[in-house]
């Protein structure tokens, strides 16, 4: 399979995963993955702690990796 197509399919899977999340996790993922905001900024925007943002992001990242591994 073409490597470009694989990347496009992976992006689509990730975007569907993000859209399926409830707030504030959806916003966390968008701010970190798409907007590339630092955790401190995200924490201020979401009115959460920096630790909450980091822990939640890495848990979601693990879920995304597992989801991609299934495909």
PDB file of N, CA and C in Angstrom:
ATOM      1  N   UNK A   1       0.847  -1.185   0.000  1.00  0.00           N
ATOM      2  CA  UNK A   1       0.000   0.000   0.000  1.00  0.00           C
ATOM      3  C   UNK A   1       0.889   1.245   0.000  1.00  0.00           C
ATOM      4  N   UNK A   2       0.419   2.266  -0.674  1.00  0.00           N
ATOM      5  CA  UNK A   2       1.165   3.518  -0.762  1.00  0.00           C
ATOM      6  C   UNK A   2       1.305   4.151   0.623  1.00  0.00           C
ATOM      7  N   UNK A   3       2.525   4.591   0.946  1.00  0.00           N
ATOM      8  CA  UNK A   3       2.795   5.156   2.265  1.00  0.00           C
ATOM      9  C   UNK A   3       1.968   6.417   2.525  1.00  0.00           C
ATOM     10  N   UNK A   4       1.732   7.226   1.494  1.00  0.00           N
ATOM     11  CA  UNK A   4       0.935   8.440   1.641  1.00  0.00           C
ATOM     12  C   UNK A   4      -0.504   8.099   2.001  1.00  0.00           C
ATOM     13  N   UNK A   5      -1.061   7.089   1.377  1.00  0.00           N
ATOM     14  CA  UNK A   5      -2.428   6.670   1.683  1.00  0.00           C
ATOM     15  C   UNK A   5      -2.523   6.161   3.113  1.00  0.00           C
ATOM     16  N   UNK A   6      -1.535   5.426   3.553  1.00  0.00           N
ATOM     17  CA  UNK A   6      -1.538   4.922   4.918  1.00  0.00           C
ATOM     18  C   UNK A   6      -1.552   6.082   5.904  1.00  0.00           C
ATOM     19  N   UNK A   7      -0.756   7.083   5.655  1.00  0.00           N
ATOM     20  CA  UNK A   7      -0.726   8.251   6.530  1.00  0.00           C
ATOM     21  C   UNK A   7      -2.095   8.936   6.543  1.00  0.00           C
ATOM     22  N   UNK A   8      -2.711   9.075   5.377  1.00  0.00           N
ATOM     23  CA  UNK A   8      -4.010   9.730   5.295  1.00  0.00           C
ATOM     24  C   UNK A   8      -5.052   8.942   6.081  1.00  0.00           C
ATOM     25  N   UNK A   9      -5.019   7.630   5.965  1.00  0.00           N
ATOM     26  CA  UNK A   9      -5.959   6.788   6.708  1.00  0.00           C
ATOM     27  C   UNK A   9      -5.728   6.907   8.210  1.00  0.00           C
ATOM     28  N   UNK A  10      -4.464   6.961   8.626  1.00  0.00           N
ATOM     29  CA  UNK A  10      -4.153   7.117  10.043  1.00  0.00           C
ATOM     30  C   UNK A  10      -4.665   8.449  10.572  1.00  0.00           C
ATOM     31  N   UNK A  11      -4.507   9.501   9.787  1.00  0.00           N
ATOM     32  CA  UNK A  11      -4.995  10.822  10.190  1.00  0.00           C
ATOM     33  C   UNK A  11      -6.514  10.790  10.344  1.00  0.00           C
ATOM     34  N   UNK A  12      -7.197  10.152   9.419  1.00  0.00           N
ATOM     35  CA  UNK A  12      -8.655  10.052   9.495  1.00  0.00           C
ATOM     36  C   UNK A  12      -9.098   9.287  10.746  1.00  0.00           C
ATOM     37  N   UNK A  13      -8.389   8.225  11.089  1.00  0.00           N
ATOM     38  CA  UNK A  13      -8.701   7.450  12.292  1.00  0.00           C
ATOM     39  C   UNK A  13      -8.507   8.320  13.534  1.00  0.00           C
ATOM     40  N   UNK A  14      -7.403   9.048  13.573  1.00  0.00           N
ATOM     41  CA  UNK A  14      -7.115   9.912  14.722  1.00  0.00           C
ATOM     42  C   UNK A  14      -8.169  11.010  14.853  1.00  0.00           C
ATOM     43  N   UNK A  15      -8.540  11.624  13.732  1.00  0.00           N
ATOM     44  CA  UNK A  15      -9.546  12.689  13.786  1.00  0.00           C
ATOM     45  C   UNK A  15     -10.908  12.159  14.244  1.00  0.00           C
ATOM     46  N   UNK A  16     -11.287  10.964  13.785  1.00  0.00           N
ATOM     47  CA  UNK A  16     -12.544  10.354  14.248  1.00  0.00           C
ATOM     48  C   UNK A  16     -12.480  10.064  15.739  1.00  0.00           C
ATOM     49  N   UNK A  17     -11.320   9.608  16.212  1.00  0.00           N
ATOM     50  CA  UNK A  17     -11.139   9.345  17.636  1.00  0.00           C
ATOM     51  C   UNK A  17     -11.314  10.628  18.444  1.00  0.00           C
ATOM     52  N   UNK A  18     -10.694  11.702  17.982  1.00  0.00           N
ATOM     53  CA  UNK A  18     -10.797  12.992  18.681  1.00  0.00           C
ATOM     54  C   UNK A  18     -12.242  13.461  18.713  1.00  0.00           C
ATOM     55  N   UNK A  19     -12.926  13.377  17.583  1.00  0.00           N
ATOM     56  CA  UNK A  19     -14.319  13.828  17.512  1.00  0.00           C
ATOM     57  C   UNK A  19     -15.237  13.027  18.436  1.00  0.00           C
ATOM     58  N   UNK A  20     -14.887  11.781  18.704  1.00  0.00           N
ATOM     59  CA  UNK A  20     -15.715  10.919  19.543  1.00  0.00           C
ATOM     60  C   UNK A  20     -15.539  11.209  21.035  1.00  0.00           C
ATOM     61  N   UNK A  21     -14.519  11.983  21.389  1.00  0.00           N
ATOM     62  CA  UNK A  21     -14.248  12.273  22.796  1.00  0.00           C
ATOM     63  C   UNK A  21     -15.165  13.376  23.316  1.00  0.00           C
ATOM     64  N   UNK A  22     -15.423  13.326  24.608  1.00  0.00           N
ATOM     65  CA  UNK A  22     -16.214  14.371  25.257  1.00  0.00           C
ATOM     66  C   UNK A  22     -15.286  15.496  25.695  1.00  0.00           C
ATOM     67  N   UNK A  23     -15.894  16.646  25.941  1.00  0.00           N
ATOM     68  CA  UNK A  23     -15.136  17.780  26.479  1.00  0.00           C
ATOM     69  C   UNK A  23     -14.760  17.480  27.919  1.00  0.00           C
ATOM     70  N   UNK A  24     -13.659  17.903  28.432  1.00  0.00           N
ATOM     71  CA  UNK A  24     -12.613  18.739  27.843  1.00  0.00           C
ATOM     72  C   UNK A  24     -11.515  17.943  27.138  1.00  0.00           C
ATOM     73  N   UNK A  25     -11.670  16.614  27.068  1.00  0.00           N
ATOM     74  CA  UNK A  25     -10.625  15.798  26.450  1.00  0.00           C
ATOM     75  C   UNK A  25     -10.486  16.124  24.970  1.00  0.00           C
ATOM     76  N   UNK A  26     -11.603  16.343  24.283  1.00  0.00           N
ATOM     77  CA  UNK A  26     -11.551  16.698  22.860  1.00  0.00           C
ATOM     78  C   UNK A  26     -10.731  17.980  22.675  1.00  0.00           C
ATOM     79  N   UNK A  27     -10.997  18.978  23.484  1.00  0.00           N
ATOM     80  CA  UNK A  27     -10.250  20.236  23.373  1.00  0.00           C
ATOM     81  C   UNK A  27      -8.777  20.041  23.695  1.00  0.00           C
ATOM     82  N   UNK A  28      -8.480  19.233  24.693  1.00  0.00           N
ATOM     83  CA  UNK A  28      -7.092  18.926  25.043  1.00  0.00           C
ATOM     84  C   UNK A  28      -6.352  18.340  23.849  1.00  0.00           C
ATOM     85  N   UNK A  29      -6.956  17.350  23.199  1.00  0.00           N
ATOM     86  CA  UNK A  29      -6.311  16.701  22.057  1.00  0.00           C
ATOM     87  C   UNK A  29      -6.135  17.662  20.886  1.00  0.00           C
ATOM     88  N   UNK A  30      -7.140  18.476  20.624  1.00  0.00           N
ATOM     89  CA  UNK A  30      -7.040  19.446  19.526  1.00  0.00           C
ATOM     90  C   UNK A  30      -5.954  20.475  19.819  1.00  0.00           C
ATOM     91  N   UNK A  31      -5.962  21.012  21.030  1.00  0.00           N
ATOM     92  CA  UNK A  31      -4.966  22.030  21.376  1.00  0.00           C
ATOM     93  C   UNK A  31      -3.551  21.478  21.331  1.00  0.00           C
ATOM     94  N   UNK A  32      -3.370  20.242  21.737  1.00  0.00           N
ATOM     95  CA  UNK A  32      -2.021  19.664  21.776  1.00  0.00           C
ATOM     96  C   UNK A  32      -1.580  19.135  20.409  1.00  0.00           C
ATOM     97  N   UNK A  33      -2.430  18.352  19.754  1.00  0.00           N
ATOM     98  CA  UNK A  33      -2.019  17.700  18.507  1.00  0.00           C
ATOM     99  C   UNK A  33      -2.102  18.608  17.289  1.00  0.00           C
ATOM    100  N   UNK A  34      -3.113  19.440  17.230  1.00  0.00           N
ATOM    101  CA  UNK A  34      -3.311  20.261  16.043  1.00  0.00           C
ATOM    102  C   UNK A  34      -2.692  21.651  16.224  1.00  0.00           C
ATOM    103  N   UNK A  35      -3.014  22.292  17.347  1.00  0.00           N
ATOM    104  CA  UNK A  35      -2.491  23.639  17.585  1.00  0.00           C
ATOM    105  C   UNK A  35      -1.090  23.640  18.186  1.00  0.00           C
ATOM    106  N   UNK A  36      -0.636  22.481  18.666  1.00  0.00           N
ATOM    107  CA  UNK A  36       0.700  22.310  19.258  1.00  0.00           C
ATOM    108  C   UNK A  36       0.961  23.261  20.426  1.00  0.00           C
ATOM    109  N   UNK A  37      -0.058  23.478  21.228  1.00  0.00           N
ATOM    110  CA  UNK A  37       0.069  24.342  22.405  1.00  0.00           C
ATOM    111  C   UNK A  37       0.800  23.596  23.523  1.00  0.00           C
ATOM    112  N   UNK A  38       1.575  24.312  24.333  1.00  0.00           N
ATOM    113  CA  UNK A  38       2.222  23.678  25.492  1.00  0.00           C
ATOM    114  C   UNK A  38       1.173  23.347  26.563  1.00  0.00           C
ATOM    115  N   UNK A  39       1.507  22.381  27.411  1.00  0.00           N
ATOM    116  CA  UNK A  39       0.562  21.930  28.431  1.00  0.00           C
ATOM    117  C   UNK A  39       0.152  23.053  29.384  1.00  0.00           C
ATOM    118  N   UNK A  40       1.050  23.955  29.694  1.00  0.00           N
ATOM    119  CA  UNK A  40       0.712  25.061  30.583  1.00  0.00           C
ATOM    120  C   UNK A  40      -0.379  25.951  30.004  1.00  0.00           C
ATOM    121  N   UNK A  41      -0.273  26.234  28.722  1.00  0.00           N
ATOM    122  CA  UNK A  41      -1.289  27.045  28.038  1.00  0.00           C
ATOM    123  C   UNK A  41      -2.618  26.309  27.988  1.00  0.00           C
ATOM    124  N   UNK A  42      -2.566  25.026  27.673  1.00  0.00           N
ATOM    125  CA  UNK A  42      -3.788  24.213  27.606  1.00  0.00           C
ATOM    126  C   UNK A  42      -4.461  24.187  28.978  1.00  0.00           C
ATOM    127  N   UNK A  43      -3.667  24.023  30.022  1.00  0.00           N
ATOM    128  CA  UNK A  43      -4.210  24.000  31.385  1.00  0.00           C
ATOM    129  C   UNK A  43      -4.952  25.293  31.694  1.00  0.00           C
ATOM    130  N   UNK A  44      -4.389  26.422  31.307  1.00  0.00           N
ATOM    131  CA  UNK A  44      -5.052  27.713  31.529  1.00  0.00           C
ATOM    132  C   UNK A  44      -6.347  27.821  30.738  1.00  0.00           C
ATOM    133  N   UNK A  45      -6.328  27.399  29.488  1.00  0.00           N
ATOM    134  CA  UNK A  45      -7.516  27.481  28.632  1.00  0.00           C
ATOM    135  C   UNK A  45      -8.643  26.606  29.183  1.00  0.00           C
ATOM    136  N   UNK A  46      -8.290  25.395  29.613  1.00  0.00           N
ATOM    137  CA  UNK A  46      -9.306  24.433  30.064  1.00  0.00           C
ATOM    138  C   UNK A  46      -9.623  24.551  31.552  1.00  0.00           C
ATOM    139  N   UNK A  47      -8.907  25.433  32.244  1.00  0.00           N
ATOM    140  CA  UNK A  47      -9.083  25.592  33.688  1.00  0.00           C
ATOM    141  C   UNK A  47      -8.831  24.272  34.427  1.00  0.00           C
ATOM    142  N   UNK A  48      -7.769  23.603  34.006  1.00  0.00           N
ATOM    143  CA  UNK A  48      -7.329  22.343  34.617  1.00  0.00           C
ATOM    144  C   UNK A  48      -5.881  22.517  35.049  1.00  0.00           C
ATOM    145  N   UNK A  49      -5.360  21.543  35.782  1.00  0.00           N
ATOM    146  CA  UNK A  49      -3.951  21.620  36.166  1.00  0.00           C
ATOM    147  C   UNK A  49      -3.074  21.118  35.023  1.00  0.00           C
ATOM    148  N   UNK A  50      -1.828  21.541  35.067  1.00  0.00           N
ATOM    149  CA  UNK A  50      -0.839  21.088  34.100  1.00  0.00           C
ATOM    150  C   UNK A  50      -0.687  19.567  34.176  1.00  0.00           C
ATOM    151  N   UNK A  51      -0.698  19.029  35.383  1.00  0.00           N
ATOM    152  CA  UNK A  51      -0.555  17.580  35.581  1.00  0.00           C
ATOM    153  C   UNK A  51      -1.734  16.839  34.960  1.00  0.00           C
ATOM    154  N   UNK A  52      -2.950  17.352  35.163  1.00  0.00           N
ATOM    155  CA  UNK A  52      -4.130  16.719  34.570  1.00  0.00           C
ATOM    156  C   UNK A  52      -3.992  16.666  33.058  1.00  0.00           C
ATOM    157  N   UNK A  53      -3.552  17.758  32.466  1.00  0.00           N
ATOM    158  CA  UNK A  53      -3.396  17.812  31.014  1.00  0.00           C
ATOM    159  C   UNK A  53      -2.372  16.793  30.518  1.00  0.00           C
ATOM    160  N   UNK A  54      -1.238  16.726  31.194  1.00  0.00           N
ATOM    161  CA  UNK A  54      -0.190  15.790  30.792  1.00  0.00           C
ATOM    162  C   UNK A  54      -0.638  14.334  30.931  1.00  0.00           C
ATOM    163  N   UNK A  55      -1.196  13.997  32.075  1.00  0.00           N
ATOM    164  CA  UNK A  55      -1.614  12.618  32.330  1.00  0.00           C
ATOM    165  C   UNK A  55      -2.720  12.204  31.359  1.00  0.00           C
ATOM    166  N   UNK A  56      -3.710  13.059  31.202  1.00  0.00           N
ATOM    167  CA  UNK A  56      -4.825  12.747  30.313  1.00  0.00           C
ATOM    168  C   UNK A  56      -4.362  12.631  28.869  1.00  0.00           C
ATOM    169  N   UNK A  57      -3.481  13.538  28.446  1.00  0.00           N
ATOM    170  CA  UNK A  57      -2.974  13.476  27.078  1.00  0.00           C
ATOM    171  C   UNK A  57      -2.234  12.165  26.830  1.00  0.00           C
ATOM    172  N   UNK A  58      -1.366  11.775  27.736  1.00  0.00           N
ATOM    173  CA  UNK A  58      -0.606  10.550  27.513  1.00  0.00           C
ATOM    174  C   UNK A  58      -1.474   9.303  27.575  1.00  0.00           C
ATOM    175  N   UNK A  59      -2.533   9.327  28.358  1.00  0.00           N
ATOM    176  CA  UNK A  59      -3.496   8.214  28.353  1.00  0.00           C
ATOM    177  C   UNK A  59      -4.215   8.134  27.012  1.00  0.00           C
ATOM    178  N   UNK A  60      -4.617   9.272  26.499  1.00  0.00           N
ATOM    179  CA  UNK A  60      -5.297   9.313  25.198  1.00  0.00           C
ATOM    180  C   UNK A  60      -4.338   8.938  24.068  1.00  0.00           C
ATOM    181  N   UNK A  61      -3.095   9.373  24.192  1.00  0.00           N
ATOM    182  CA  UNK A  61      -2.081   9.031  23.193  1.00  0.00           C
ATOM    183  C   UNK A  61      -1.910   7.514  23.129  1.00  0.00           C
ATOM    184  N   UNK A  62      -1.894   6.865  24.291  1.00  0.00           N
ATOM    185  CA  UNK A  62      -1.772   5.404  24.340  1.00  0.00           C
ATOM    186  C   UNK A  62      -2.974   4.741  23.652  1.00  0.00           C
ATOM    187  N   UNK A  63      -4.167   5.289  23.866  1.00  0.00           N
ATOM    188  CA  UNK A  63      -5.361   4.748  23.217  1.00  0.00           C
ATOM    189  C   UNK A  63      -5.278   4.902  21.697  1.00  0.00           C
ATOM    190  N   UNK A  64      -4.762   6.044  21.246  1.00  0.00           N
ATOM    191  CA  UNK A  64      -4.619   6.266  19.805  1.00  0.00           C
ATOM    192  C   UNK A  64      -3.616   5.276  19.217  1.00  0.00           C
ATOM    193  N   UNK A  65      -2.503   5.080  19.889  1.00  0.00           N
ATOM    194  CA  UNK A  65      -1.489   4.130  19.417  1.00  0.00           C
ATOM    195  C   UNK A  65      -2.075   2.728  19.334  1.00  0.00           C
ATOM    196  N   UNK A  66      -2.827   2.329  20.354  1.00  0.00           N
ATOM    197  CA  UNK A  66      -3.457   1.007  20.351  1.00  0.00           C
ATOM    198  C   UNK A  66      -4.477   0.894  19.224  1.00  0.00           C
ATOM    199  N   UNK A  67      -5.229   1.951  18.992  1.00  0.00           N
ATOM    200  CA  UNK A  67      -6.227   1.963  17.929  1.00  0.00           C
ATOM    201  C   UNK A  67      -5.559   1.815  16.565  1.00  0.00           C
ATOM    202  N   UNK A  68      -4.464   2.525  16.355  1.00  0.00           N
ATOM    203  CA  UNK A  68      -3.744   2.433  15.076  1.00  0.00           C
ATOM    204  C   UNK A  68      -3.116   1.049  14.886  1.00  0.00           C
ATOM    205  N   UNK A  69      -2.710   0.432  15.968  1.00  0.00           N
ATOM    206  CA  UNK A  69      -2.107  -0.897  15.886  1.00  0.00           C
ATOM    207  C   UNK A  69      -3.136  -1.946  15.464  1.00  0.00           C
ATOM    208  N   UNK A  70      -4.395  -1.707  15.789  1.00  0.00           N
ATOM    209  CA  UNK A  70      -5.462  -2.634  15.406  1.00  0.00           C
ATOM    210  C   UNK A  70      -5.773  -2.563  13.927  1.00  0.00           C
ATOM    211  N   UNK A  71      -5.534  -1.418  13.326  1.00  0.00           N
ATOM    212  CA  UNK A  71      -5.891  -1.219  11.911  1.00  0.00           C
ATOM    213  C   UNK A  71      -4.952  -1.936  10.973  1.00  0.00           C
TER     214      UNK A  71
END
